[in-house]
PDB file of N, CA and C in Angstrom:
ATOM      1  N   MET A   1       1.004  -1.368   0.160  1.00  0.00           N
ATOM      2  CA  MET A   1      -0.088  -0.015   0.040  1.00  0.00           C
ATOM      3  C   MET A   1       0.866   1.406  -0.134  1.00  0.00           C
ATOM      4  N   ALA A   2       0.851   2.510  -1.005  1.00  0.00           N
ATOM      5  CA  ALA A   2       1.414   3.457  -0.982  1.00  0.00           C
ATOM      6  C   ALA A   2       0.829   4.770  -0.293  1.00  0.00           C
ATOM      7  N   LYS A   3       1.747   5.210   0.152  1.00  0.00           N
ATOM      8  CA  LYS A   3       1.312   6.299   1.256  1.00  0.00           C
ATOM      9  C   LYS A   3       2.155   7.690   0.561  1.00  0.00           C
ATOM     10  N   PHE A   4       1.349   8.755   0.352  1.00  0.00           N
ATOM     11  CA  PHE A   4       1.795   9.815  -0.105  1.00  0.00           C
ATOM     12  C   PHE A   4       1.477  11.127   0.771  1.00  0.00           C
ATOM     13  N   ILE A   5       2.599  12.179   0.518  1.00  0.00           N
ATOM     14  CA  ILE A   5       2.382  13.291   1.519  1.00  0.00           C
ATOM     15  C   ILE A   5       2.540  14.799   0.782  1.00  0.00           C
ATOM     16  N   THR A   6       1.809  15.409   1.134  1.00  0.00           N
ATOM     17  CA  THR A   6       1.788  16.750   0.269  1.00  0.00           C
ATOM     18  C   THR A   6       1.993  17.726   0.874  1.00  0.00           C
ATOM     19  N   ARG A   7       2.300  18.751   0.575  1.00  0.00           N
ATOM     20  CA  ARG A   7       2.391  20.126   1.081  1.00  0.00           C
ATOM     21  C   ARG A   7       1.799  21.098   0.217  1.00  0.00           C
ATOM     22  N   ILE A   8       0.738  22.145   0.618  1.00  0.00           N
ATOM     23  CA  ILE A   8       0.358  22.886  -0.699  1.00  0.00           C
ATOM     24  C   ILE A   8       0.187  24.221  -0.106  1.00  0.00           C
ATOM     25  N   GLN A   9       0.666  25.497  -1.168  1.00  0.00           N
ATOM     26  CA  GLN A   9       0.620  26.366  -0.620  1.00  0.00           C
ATOM     27  C   GLN A   9      -0.222  27.257  -1.605  1.00  0.00           C
ATOM     28  N   LEU A  10      -1.282  28.318  -1.031  1.00  0.00           N
ATOM     29  CA  LEU A  10      -1.534  29.135  -1.788  1.00  0.00           C
ATOM     30  C   LEU A  10      -1.290  30.485  -1.622  1.00  0.00           C
ATOM     31  N   GLU A  11      -1.651  31.198  -2.842  1.00  0.00           N
ATOM     32  CA  GLU A  11      -1.057  32.715  -3.116  1.00  0.00           C
ATOM     33  C   GLU A  11      -1.981  33.651  -2.576  1.00  0.00           C
ATOM     34  N   GLN A  12      -1.850  34.504  -1.659  1.00  0.00           N
ATOM     35  CA  GLN A  12      -2.951  35.537  -1.538  1.00  0.00           C
ATOM     36  C   GLN A  12      -3.859  34.972  -0.672  1.00  0.00           C
ATOM     37  N   ALA A  13      -3.866  33.992  -0.043  1.00  0.00           N
ATOM     38  CA  ALA A  13      -5.163  33.032   0.562  1.00  0.00           C
ATOM     39  C   ALA A  13      -5.436  33.765   1.991  1.00  0.00           C
ATOM     40  N   SER A  14      -6.628  33.649   2.430  1.00  0.00           N
ATOM     41  CA  SER A  14      -7.239  33.993   3.536  1.00  0.00           C
ATOM     42  C   SER A  14      -7.134  32.877   4.284  1.00  0.00           C
ATOM     43  N   GLU A  15      -7.703  32.704   5.689  1.00  0.00           N
ATOM     44  CA  GLU A  15      -8.125  31.838   6.520  1.00  0.00           C
ATOM     45  C   GLU A  15      -9.379  31.031   5.985  1.00  0.00           C
ATOM     46  N   SER A  16     -10.275  31.558   5.522  1.00  0.00           N
ATOM     47  CA  SER A  16     -11.443  30.973   4.866  1.00  0.00           C
ATOM     48  C   SER A  16     -10.938  30.120   3.438  1.00  0.00           C
ATOM     49  N   ASP A  17     -10.017  30.518   2.750  1.00  0.00           N
ATOM     50  CA  ASP A  17      -9.505  29.808   1.625  1.00  0.00           C
ATOM     51  C   ASP A  17      -9.042  28.672   2.236  1.00  0.00           C
ATOM     52  N   TYR A  18      -7.904  28.588   3.327  1.00  0.00           N
ATOM     53  CA  TYR A  18      -7.401  27.556   3.973  1.00  0.00           C
ATOM     54  C   TYR A  18      -8.369  26.454   4.371  1.00  0.00           C
ATOM     55  N   LYS A  19      -9.230  27.276   5.147  1.00  0.00           N
ATOM     56  CA  LYS A  19     -10.373  26.194   5.753  1.00  0.00           C
ATOM     57  C   LYS A  19     -11.170  25.295   4.485  1.00  0.00           C
ATOM     58  N   SER A  20     -11.434  26.007   3.551  1.00  0.00           N
ATOM     59  CA  SER A  20     -12.143  25.092   2.198  1.00  0.00           C
ATOM     60  C   SER A  20     -11.025  24.275   1.614  1.00  0.00           C
ATOM     61  N   LEU A  21      -9.886  24.571   1.563  1.00  0.00           N
ATOM     62  CA  LEU A  21      -8.896  23.780   1.045  1.00  0.00           C
ATOM     63  C   LEU A  21      -8.852  22.619   2.025  1.00  0.00           C
ATOM     64  N   GLN A  22      -8.620  22.562   3.628  1.00  0.00           N
ATOM     65  CA  GLN A  22      -8.815  21.360   4.321  1.00  0.00           C
ATOM     66  C   GLN A  22     -10.130  20.500   4.171  1.00  0.00           C
ATOM     67  N   LYS A  23     -11.313  21.488   3.916  1.00  0.00           N
ATOM     68  CA  LYS A  23     -12.572  20.568   3.779  1.00  0.00           C
ATOM     69  C   LYS A  23     -12.451  19.765   2.426  1.00  0.00           C
ATOM     70  N   GLU A  24     -11.900  20.051   1.388  1.00  0.00           N
ATOM     71  CA  GLU A  24     -11.860  19.711   0.120  1.00  0.00           C
ATOM     72  C   GLU A  24     -10.771  18.321   0.070  1.00  0.00           C
ATOM     73  N   LEU A  25      -9.690  18.449   0.948  1.00  0.00           N
ATOM     74  CA  LEU A  25      -8.963  17.562   1.055  1.00  0.00           C
ATOM     75  C   LEU A  25      -9.432  16.316   1.908  1.00  0.00           C
ATOM     76  N   THR A  26      -9.867  16.717   3.177  1.00  0.00           N
ATOM     77  CA  THR A  26     -10.712  15.763   3.748  1.00  0.00           C
ATOM     78  C   THR A  26     -11.726  15.012   3.040  1.00  0.00           C
ATOM     79  N   ASN A  27     -12.764  15.459   2.225  1.00  0.00           N
ATOM     80  CA  ASN A  27     -13.662  14.894   1.504  1.00  0.00           C
ATOM     81  C   ASN A  27     -12.663  14.054   0.509  1.00  0.00           C
ATOM     82  N   ALA A  28     -11.669  14.107   0.213  1.00  0.00           N
ATOM     83  CA  ALA A  28     -10.590  13.176  -0.772  1.00  0.00           C
ATOM     84  C   ALA A  28     -10.004  12.316   0.104  1.00  0.00           C
ATOM     85  N   SER A  29     -10.337  12.066   1.134  1.00  0.00           N
ATOM     86  CA  SER A  29      -9.871  10.924   2.102  1.00  0.00           C
ATOM     87  C   SER A  29      -8.322  11.548   2.455  1.00  0.00           C
ATOM     88  N   PHE A  30      -7.718  12.700   2.534  1.00  0.00           N
ATOM     89  CA  PHE A  30      -6.581  12.907   2.832  1.00  0.00           C
ATOM     90  C   PHE A  30      -6.764  13.172   4.342  1.00  0.00           C
ATOM     91  N   LYS A  31      -5.611  12.911   5.006  1.00  0.00           N
ATOM     92  CA  LYS A  31      -5.445  13.059   6.634  1.00  0.00           C
ATOM     93  C   LYS A  31      -4.329  14.102   6.754  1.00  0.00           C
ATOM     94  N   SER A  32      -4.864  14.966   7.527  1.00  0.00           N
ATOM     95  CA  SER A  32      -3.802  16.071   8.411  1.00  0.00           C
ATOM     96  C   SER A  32      -2.751  15.851   8.844  1.00  0.00           C
ATOM     97  N   ILE A  33      -1.707  16.252   8.753  1.00  0.00           N
ATOM     98  CA  ILE A  33      -0.395  15.870   9.575  1.00  0.00           C
ATOM     99  C   ILE A  33      -0.136  16.940  10.114  1.00  0.00           C
ATOM    100  N   ARG A  34      -0.388  17.566  11.368  1.00  0.00           N
ATOM    101  CA  ARG A  34      -0.467  18.754  12.111  1.00  0.00           C
ATOM    102  C   ARG A  34       1.336  18.722  12.389  1.00  0.00           C
ATOM    103  N   LYS A  35       1.515  20.216  11.666  1.00  0.00           N
ATOM    104  CA  LYS A  35       3.185  20.778  11.858  1.00  0.00           C
ATOM    105  C   LYS A  35       2.888  21.931  12.360  1.00  0.00           C
ATOM    106  N   SER A  36       1.924  22.522  12.886  1.00  0.00           N
ATOM    107  CA  SER A  36       1.965  24.155  13.215  1.00  0.00           C
ATOM    108  C   SER A  36       2.642  24.327  14.328  1.00  0.00           C
ATOM    109  N   THR A  37       3.208  25.669  14.201  1.00  0.00           N
ATOM    110  CA  THR A  37       4.187  26.192  15.421  1.00  0.00           C
ATOM    111  C   THR A  37       3.198  27.253  15.920  1.00  0.00           C
ATOM    112  N   ALA A  38       4.197  27.798  16.940  1.00  0.00           N
ATOM    113  CA  ALA A  38       3.567  28.790  17.538  1.00  0.00           C
ATOM    114  C   ALA A  38       3.159  30.192  16.786  1.00  0.00           C
ATOM    115  N   LYS A  39       3.866  30.437  15.870  1.00  0.00           N
ATOM    116  CA  LYS A  39       3.849  31.617  14.671  1.00  0.00           C
ATOM    117  C   LYS A  39       2.940  31.380  13.782  1.00  0.00           C
ATOM    118  N   SER A  40       1.984  30.125  13.553  1.00  0.00           N
ATOM    119  CA  SER A  40       1.295  30.044  12.793  1.00  0.00           C
ATOM    120  C   SER A  40      -0.054  30.339  12.978  1.00  0.00           C
ATOM    121  N   LYS A  41      -0.569  31.440  12.203  1.00  0.00           N
ATOM    122  CA  LYS A  41      -2.188  31.902  12.296  1.00  0.00           C
ATOM    123  C   LYS A  41      -3.138  31.368  11.316  1.00  0.00           C
ATOM    124  N   LEU A  42      -2.710  30.637  10.470  1.00  0.00           N
ATOM    125  CA  LEU A  42      -3.849  30.037   9.989  1.00  0.00           C
ATOM    126  C   LEU A  42      -4.009  28.644   9.909  1.00  0.00           C
ATOM    127  N   PRO A  43      -4.964  28.018   9.586  1.00  0.00           N
ATOM    128  CA  PRO A  43      -5.276  26.676  10.153  1.00  0.00           C
ATOM    129  C   PRO A  43      -4.710  25.535   9.311  1.00  0.00           C
ATOM    130  N   ILE A  44      -4.245  25.794   8.074  1.00  0.00           N
ATOM    131  CA  ILE A  44      -3.238  25.315   7.307  1.00  0.00           C
ATOM    132  C   ILE A  44      -2.302  26.005   6.541  1.00  0.00           C
ATOM    133  N   PRO A  45      -1.234  26.210   7.288  1.00  0.00           N
ATOM    134  CA  PRO A  45      -0.184  27.208   7.185  1.00  0.00           C
ATOM    135  C   PRO A  45       0.744  26.298   6.055  1.00  0.00           C
ATOM    136  N   GLU A  46       1.659  26.886   5.444  1.00  0.00           N
ATOM    137  CA  GLU A  46       2.506  26.417   4.427  1.00  0.00           C
ATOM    138  C   GLU A  46       3.102  25.100   5.235  1.00  0.00           C
ATOM    139  N   ASN A  47       3.282  24.855   6.463  1.00  0.00           N
ATOM    140  CA  ASN A  47       4.317  23.842   6.778  1.00  0.00           C
ATOM    141  C   ASN A  47       3.358  22.623   7.293  1.00  0.00           C
ATOM    142  N   GLU A  48       1.962  22.660   7.157  1.00  0.00           N
ATOM    143  CA  GLU A  48       1.237  21.500   7.144  1.00  0.00           C
ATOM    144  C   GLU A  48       1.152  20.828   6.337  1.00  0.00           C
ATOM    145  N   GLU A  49       0.992  19.536   6.597  1.00  0.00           N
ATOM    146  CA  GLU A  49       0.994  18.429   5.406  1.00  0.00           C
ATOM    147  C   GLU A  49       0.040  17.393   5.620  1.00  0.00           C
ATOM    148  N   PHE A  50      -0.538  16.809   4.247  1.00  0.00           N
ATOM    149  CA  PHE A  50      -1.523  16.075   4.218  1.00  0.00           C
ATOM    150  C   PHE A  50      -1.074  14.590   3.780  1.00  0.00           C
ATOM    151  N   SER A  51      -1.541  13.655   4.098  1.00  0.00           N
ATOM    152  CA  SER A  51      -1.346  12.090   3.741  1.00  0.00           C
ATOM    153  C   SER A  51      -2.535  11.776   2.999  1.00  0.00           C
ATOM    154  N   LEU A  52      -2.350  10.672   1.953  1.00  0.00           N
ATOM    155  CA  LEU A  52      -3.287   9.795   1.201  1.00  0.00           C
ATOM    156  C   LEU A  52      -2.556   8.620   1.366  1.00  0.00           C
ATOM    157  N   GLU A  53      -3.544   7.327   1.808  1.00  0.00           N
ATOM    158  CA  GLU A  53      -2.795   6.249   1.938  1.00  0.00           C
ATOM    159  C   GLU A  53      -3.745   5.131   1.039  1.00  0.00           C
ATOM    160  N   GLY A  54      -3.269   4.371   0.211  1.00  0.00           N
ATOM    161  CA  GLY A  54      -4.015   3.140  -0.447  1.00  0.00           C
ATOM    162  C   GLY A  54      -3.420   2.869  -1.630  1.00  0.00           C
ATOM    163  N   ASN A  55      -4.097   1.966  -2.544  1.00  0.00           N
ATOM    164  CA  ASN A  55      -3.729   1.219  -3.779  1.00  0.00           C
ATOM    165  C   ASN A  55      -3.777   2.480  -4.590  1.00  0.00           C
ATOM    166  N   ILE A  56      -2.762   3.439  -4.666  1.00  0.00           N
ATOM    167  CA  ILE A  56      -2.807   4.442  -5.500  1.00  0.00           C
ATOM    168  C   ILE A  56      -1.460   4.937  -6.091  1.00  0.00           C
ATOM    169  N   ASN A  57      -1.534   5.778  -7.153  1.00  0.00           N
ATOM    170  CA  ASN A  57      -0.252   6.167  -7.639  1.00  0.00           C
ATOM    171  C   ASN A  57      -0.165   7.767  -7.429  1.00  0.00           C
ATOM    172  N   ILE A  58       0.914   8.163  -8.198  1.00  0.00           N
ATOM    173  CA  ILE A  58       1.194   9.721  -7.954  1.00  0.00           C
ATOM    174  C   ILE A  58       0.047  10.546  -8.775  1.00  0.00           C
ATOM    175  N   GLN A  59       0.000   9.826 -10.006  1.00  0.00           N
ATOM    176  CA  GLN A  59      -0.979  10.540 -10.472  1.00  0.00           C
ATOM    177  C   GLN A  59      -2.297  10.798  -9.999  1.00  0.00           C
ATOM    178  N   GLN A  60      -2.870   9.424  -9.343  1.00  0.00           N
ATOM    179  CA  GLN A  60      -4.150   9.707  -8.726  1.00  0.00           C
ATOM    180  C   GLN A  60      -3.902  10.892  -7.715  1.00  0.00           C
ATOM    181  N   VAL A  61      -3.176  10.928  -7.000  1.00  0.00           N
ATOM    182  CA  VAL A  61      -2.549  11.847  -5.860  1.00  0.00           C
ATOM    183  C   VAL A  61      -2.724  13.396  -6.385  1.00  0.00           C
ATOM    184  N   THR A  62      -1.914  13.453  -7.536  1.00  0.00           N
ATOM    185  CA  THR A  62      -1.596  14.691  -8.093  1.00  0.00           C
ATOM    186  C   THR A  62      -3.332  15.165  -8.725  1.00  0.00           C
ATOM    187  N   HIS A  63      -4.068  14.214  -9.164  1.00  0.00           N
ATOM    188  CA  HIS A  63      -5.134  14.572  -9.631  1.00  0.00           C
ATOM    189  C   HIS A  63      -6.472  15.022  -8.447  1.00  0.00           C
ATOM    190  N   ALA A  64      -6.060  14.558  -7.341  1.00  0.00           N
ATOM    191  CA  ALA A  64      -7.005  14.861  -6.194  1.00  0.00           C
ATOM    192  C   ALA A  64      -6.580  16.116  -5.471  1.00  0.00           C
ATOM    193  N   VAL A  65      -5.450  16.138  -5.438  1.00  0.00           N
ATOM    194  CA  VAL A  65      -4.711  17.510  -4.778  1.00  0.00           C
ATOM    195  C   VAL A  65      -5.185  18.760  -5.863  1.00  0.00           C
ATOM    196  N   VAL A  66      -4.962  18.643  -6.845  1.00  0.00           N
ATOM    197  CA  VAL A  66      -5.257  19.698  -7.938  1.00  0.00           C
ATOM    198  C   VAL A  66      -6.796  19.946  -8.066  1.00  0.00           C
ATOM    199  N   LYS A  67      -7.591  18.837  -7.828  1.00  0.00           N
ATOM    200  CA  LYS A  67      -9.079  19.339  -7.776  1.00  0.00           C
ATOM    201  C   LYS A  67      -9.424  20.027  -6.666  1.00  0.00           C
ATOM    202  N   ALA A  68      -8.828  19.353  -5.300  1.00  0.00           N
ATOM    203  CA  ALA A  68      -9.337  20.314  -4.278  1.00  0.00           C
ATOM    204  C   ALA A  68      -8.610  21.719  -4.377  1.00  0.00           C
ATOM    205  N   ILE A  69      -7.481  21.810  -4.699  1.00  0.00           N
ATOM    206  CA  ILE A  69      -6.788  23.076  -4.645  1.00  0.00           C
ATOM    207  C   ILE A  69      -7.558  24.194  -5.955  1.00  0.00           C
ATOM    208  N   THR A  70      -7.956  23.861  -6.696  1.00  0.00           N
ATOM    209  CA  THR A  70      -8.916  24.366  -7.950  1.00  0.00           C
ATOM    210  C   THR A  70     -10.287  24.827  -7.191  1.00  0.00           C
ATOM    211  N   ARG A  71     -10.543  24.323  -6.268  1.00  0.00           N
ATOM    212  CA  ARG A  71     -12.000  24.905  -6.072  1.00  0.00           C
ATOM    213  C   ARG A  71     -11.792  25.713  -4.957  1.00  0.00           C
ATOM    214  N   THR A  72     -10.639  26.384  -4.699  1.00  0.00           N
ATOM    215  CA  THR A  72     -10.274  27.494  -3.721  1.00  0.00           C
ATOM    216  C   THR A  72     -10.450  28.695  -4.637  1.00  0.00           C
ATOM    217  N   GLY A  73     -10.100  28.642  -6.007  1.00  0.00           N
ATOM    218  CA  GLY A  73     -10.069  29.688  -6.747  1.00  0.00           C
ATOM    219  C   GLY A  73      -8.622  30.694  -6.899  1.00  0.00           C
ATOM    220  N   LYS A  74      -7.610  30.051  -6.154  1.00  0.00           N
ATOM    221  CA  LYS A  74      -6.365  30.663  -5.595  1.00  0.00           C
ATOM    222  C   LYS A  74      -5.169  29.885  -6.404  1.00  0.00           C
ATOM    223  N   LYS A  75      -4.294  30.799  -7.008  1.00  0.00           N
ATOM    224  CA  LYS A  75      -3.100  30.231  -7.624  1.00  0.00           C
ATOM    225  C   LYS A  75      -2.459  29.341  -6.267  1.00  0.00           C
ATOM    226  N   PHE A  76      -1.278  28.770  -7.085  1.00  0.00           N
ATOM    227  CA  PHE A  76      -0.921  27.466  -6.146  1.00  0.00           C
ATOM    228  C   PHE A  76       0.078  26.790  -6.158  1.00  0.00           C
ATOM    229  N   SER A  77       1.020  26.232  -5.477  1.00  0.00           N
ATOM    230  CA  SER A  77       1.830  25.338  -5.691  1.00  0.00           C
ATOM    231  C   SER A  77       1.957  24.436  -4.779  1.00  0.00           C
ATOM    232  N   PHE A  78       2.332  23.173  -5.063  1.00  0.00           N
ATOM    233  CA  PHE A  78       2.173  21.999  -3.979  1.00  0.00           C
ATOM    234  C   PHE A  78       3.538  21.190  -4.340  1.00  0.00           C
ATOM    235  N   THR A  79       3.701  20.035  -3.006  1.00  0.00           N
ATOM    236  CA  THR A  79       4.757  19.209  -3.965  1.00  0.00           C
ATOM    237  C   THR A  79       3.910  17.829  -3.163  1.00  0.00           C
ATOM    238  N   ILE A  80       4.341  16.762  -3.832  1.00  0.00           N
ATOM    239  CA  ILE A  80       3.713  15.513  -3.381  1.00  0.00           C
ATOM    240  C   ILE A  80       4.912  14.590  -3.142  1.00  0.00           C
ATOM    241  N   VAL A  81       5.276  13.708  -2.192  1.00  0.00           N
ATOM    242  CA  VAL A  81       6.408  12.706  -1.968  1.00  0.00           C
ATOM    243  C   VAL A  81       5.788  11.478  -1.503  1.00  0.00           C
ATOM    244  N   ARG A  82       6.391  10.203  -1.974  1.00  0.00           N
ATOM    245  CA  ARG A  82       6.008   9.063  -1.590  1.00  0.00           C
ATOM    246  C   ARG A  82       6.802   8.733  -0.189  1.00  0.00           C
ATOM    247  N   ASP A  83       5.691   8.220   0.831  1.00  0.00           N
ATOM    248  CA  ASP A  83       6.659   8.077   1.929  1.00  0.00           C
ATOM    249  C   ASP A  83       7.406   6.912   1.655  1.00  0.00           C
ATOM    250  N   LYS A  84       8.749   6.789   2.182  1.00  0.00           N
ATOM    251  CA  LYS A  84       9.860   5.888   1.982  1.00  0.00           C
ATOM    252  C   LYS A  84       9.548   4.713   2.924  1.00  0.00           C
ATOM    253  N   SER A  85       9.082   5.131   3.850  1.00  0.00           N
ATOM    254  CA  SER A  85       8.917   3.733   4.801  1.00  0.00           C
ATOM    255  C   SER A  85       7.777   3.006   4.573  1.00  0.00           C
ATOM    256  N   ASN A  86       6.847   3.506   3.610  1.00  0.00           N
ATOM    257  CA  ASN A  86       6.102   2.288   2.917  1.00  0.00           C
ATOM    258  C   ASN A  86       6.427   1.387   1.487  1.00  0.00           C
ATOM    259  N   TYR A  87       7.805   1.755   0.683  1.00  0.00           N
ATOM    260  CA  TYR A  87       7.997   1.314  -0.284  1.00  0.00           C
ATOM    261  C   TYR A  87       7.695  -0.051  -0.259  1.00  0.00           C
ATOM    262  N   ASN A  88       7.137  -1.014  -1.210  1.00  0.00           N
ATOM    263  CA  ASN A  88       7.196  -2.396  -1.184  1.00  0.00           C
ATOM    264  C   ASN A  88       8.453  -2.828  -2.034  1.00  0.00           C
TER     265      ASN A  88
END
């Protein structure tokens, strides 16, 4: 079973944009990996990551991430990595 981790950065985003993103990712079965710090003011700061696990590939994860981000209407950047501890 593969596990992927993503980090997403929205441009000129408000707190409600990040809440919307979190809702979309949760609906797509992503789990939040809390990395927040005392300086973080947004519910999903750039240092928060999300994971998705299952019989999936990088293309499926990319599609799910882009679909969730697109619903915010913001410009974005993101990274996706495969969790090495789950390589078969």
